[in-house]
């Protein structure tokens, strides 16, 4: 069992920055690939970024490349999403998720066994 709790969301002006954190419970975190997803009103949930269990490999959706950075600290059971140069279109509820080895592509929501409750990010223009 893995429990995930996101924090760090809020209201920010365009071009600003936020850092999201996702704290995980359980001893399987260090063996889990981790992902950040987001869902805007009226839109489907989409992957933002994902990171391998070791942190050696990361992937990003095209719209956030060069602006967002995913990282993890396995000693603290925490994964981060640093978001810079935020745009109004980044407004969404952001979720972290854990993949314990599903075999699915990490960009696919089906890969993830556990999800956090989400944190709201609102970017004003």
Protein backbone atom coordinates (compact mmCIF):
# COMPACT_ATOMS: atom_id res chain seq x y z
CA UNK A 1 0.00 0.00 0.00
CA UNK A 2 1.27 3.46 -0.92
CA UNK A 3 -0.28 6.73 0.20
CA UNK A 4 0.55 9.93 -1.65
CA UNK A 5 -0.03 13.47 -0.40
CA UNK A 6 0.58 16.46 -2.67
CA UNK A 7 1.30 19.97 -1.47
CA UNK A 8 2.56 23.26 -2.85
CA UNK A 9 -0.28 24.28 -5.12
CA UNK A 10 -1.79 27.73 -5.11
CA UNK A 11 -2.46 30.89 -7.05
CA UNK A 12 0.39 32.48 -8.97
CA UNK A 13 0.71 35.12 -11.68
CA UNK A 14 1.81 34.20 -15.17
CA UNK A 15 5.60 33.83 -15.46
CA UNK A 16 5.79 32.88 -11.79
CA UNK A 17 6.97 29.66 -10.20
CA UNK A 18 5.67 26.97 -7.89
CA UNK A 19 7.16 23.78 -6.52
CA UNK A 20 4.87 20.86 -5.91
CA UNK A 21 5.81 18.11 -3.50
CA UNK A 22 4.41 14.61 -3.17
CA UNK A 23 5.16 12.76 0.04
CA UNK A 24 4.80 8.99 -0.10
CA UNK A 25 4.32 6.48 2.66
CA UNK A 26 5.37 2.87 2.42
CA UNK A 27 8.63 1.08 1.74
CA UNK A 28 8.07 0.66 -1.99
CA UNK A 29 8.62 4.31 -2.93
CA UNK A 30 12.28 3.84 -3.86
CA UNK A 31 11.27 1.08 -6.29
CA UNK A 32 8.40 3.04 -7.85
CA UNK A 33 8.39 5.09 -10.99
CA UNK A 34 6.58 8.33 -10.22
CA UNK A 35 4.48 10.60 -12.36
CA UNK A 36 2.81 13.98 -12.22
CA UNK A 37 -0.50 14.37 -14.05
CA UNK A 38 -2.89 17.27 -14.35
CA UNK A 39 -6.54 17.72 -15.19
CA UNK A 40 -8.11 21.00 -16.21
CA UNK A 41 -11.89 21.56 -16.13
CA UNK A 42 -13.57 19.83 -19.05
CA UNK A 43 -10.36 18.13 -20.15
CA UNK A 44 -8.93 14.68 -19.76
CA UNK A 45 -6.17 13.91 -17.29
CA UNK A 46 -2.77 14.21 -18.97
CA UNK A 47 0.74 13.28 -18.00
CA UNK A 48 3.02 16.21 -17.17
CA UNK A 49 6.24 14.43 -16.24
CA UNK A 50 7.51 11.10 -14.99
CA UNK A 51 10.69 9.88 -13.34
CA UNK A 52 12.19 6.43 -12.99
CA UNK A 53 12.72 4.78 -9.61
CA UNK A 54 16.40 5.80 -9.57
CA UNK A 55 15.83 9.30 -10.90
CA UNK A 56 18.11 8.59 -13.85
CA UNK A 57 15.37 8.86 -16.46
CA UNK A 58 12.72 11.54 -16.90
CA UNK A 59 10.07 12.32 -19.48
CA UNK A 60 7.99 15.45 -20.05
CA UNK A 61 5.00 16.37 -22.11
CA UNK A 62 5.97 18.79 -24.88
CA UNK A 63 4.08 21.76 -23.46
CA UNK A 64 6.19 21.87 -20.27
CA UNK A 65 9.64 20.99 -21.60
CA UNK A 66 12.18 23.59 -20.55
CA UNK A 67 9.84 25.02 -17.91
CA UNK A 68 9.12 22.13 -15.52
CA UNK A 69 11.55 19.80 -13.76
CA UNK A 70 10.67 16.55 -12.01
CA UNK A 71 12.99 15.20 -9.33
CA UNK A 72 12.90 12.85 -6.37
CA UNK A 73 14.57 12.26 -3.05
CA UNK A 74 14.27 8.59 -2.14
CA UNK A 75 15.70 9.23 1.33
CA UNK A 76 12.72 11.52 2.00
CA UNK A 77 10.16 9.47 0.06
CA UNK A 78 9.30 12.61 -1.88
CA UNK A 79 8.93 13.56 -5.53
CA UNK A 80 8.93 17.17 -6.69
CA UNK A 81 7.72 19.18 -9.65
CA UNK A 82 9.43 22.53 -10.08
CA UNK A 83 7.28 24.70 -12.33
CA UNK A 84 8.77 27.87 -13.80
CA UNK A 85 7.48 30.37 -16.35
CA UNK A 86 3.94 29.33 -15.57
CA UNK A 87 1.19 30.09 -18.06
CA UNK A 88 -2.58 30.37 -17.59
CA UNK A 89 -2.96 27.14 -19.57
CA UNK A 90 -1.06 25.33 -16.81
CA UNK A 91 -4.07 25.87 -14.54
CA UNK A 92 -5.31 22.45 -13.39
CA UNK A 93 -5.48 20.05 -10.51
CA UNK A 94 -2.11 18.32 -10.29
CA UNK A 95 -1.84 14.71 -9.14
CA UNK A 96 1.14 12.57 -8.31
CA UNK A 97 1.01 8.85 -8.93
CA UNK A 98 3.10 5.76 -8.26
CA UNK A 99 3.87 2.96 -10.70
CA UNK A 100 5.02 -0.20 -8.92
CA UNK A 101 6.00 -1.94 -12.11
CA UNK A 102 2.84 -2.23 -14.16
CA UNK A 103 4.66 -2.59 -17.44
CA UNK A 104 2.68 0.19 -19.08
CA UNK A 105 4.39 3.20 -20.60
CA UNK A 106 4.94 5.80 -17.86
CA UNK A 107 3.05 8.36 -19.96
CA UNK A 108 -0.09 6.21 -19.65
CA UNK A 109 -2.31 6.72 -16.60
CA UNK A 110 -2.94 2.96 -16.60
CA UNK A 111 0.65 2.48 -15.46
CA UNK A 112 -0.07 3.92 -12.04
CA UNK A 113 -1.37 1.93 -9.11
CA UNK A 114 -1.71 4.73 -6.56
CA UNK A 115 -2.80 8.35 -6.81
CA UNK A 116 -2.76 11.36 -4.53
CA UNK A 117 -5.77 13.54 -3.85
CA UNK A 118 -4.54 16.38 -6.05
CA UNK A 119 -3.50 19.98 -5.49
CA UNK A 120 -4.93 22.98 -7.34
CA UNK A 121 -2.62 25.19 -9.39
CA UNK A 122 -4.13 28.40 -10.72
CA UNK A 123 -2.15 30.74 -12.96
CA UNK A 124 -3.61 34.19 -13.51
CA UNK A 125 -2.86 36.27 -16.58
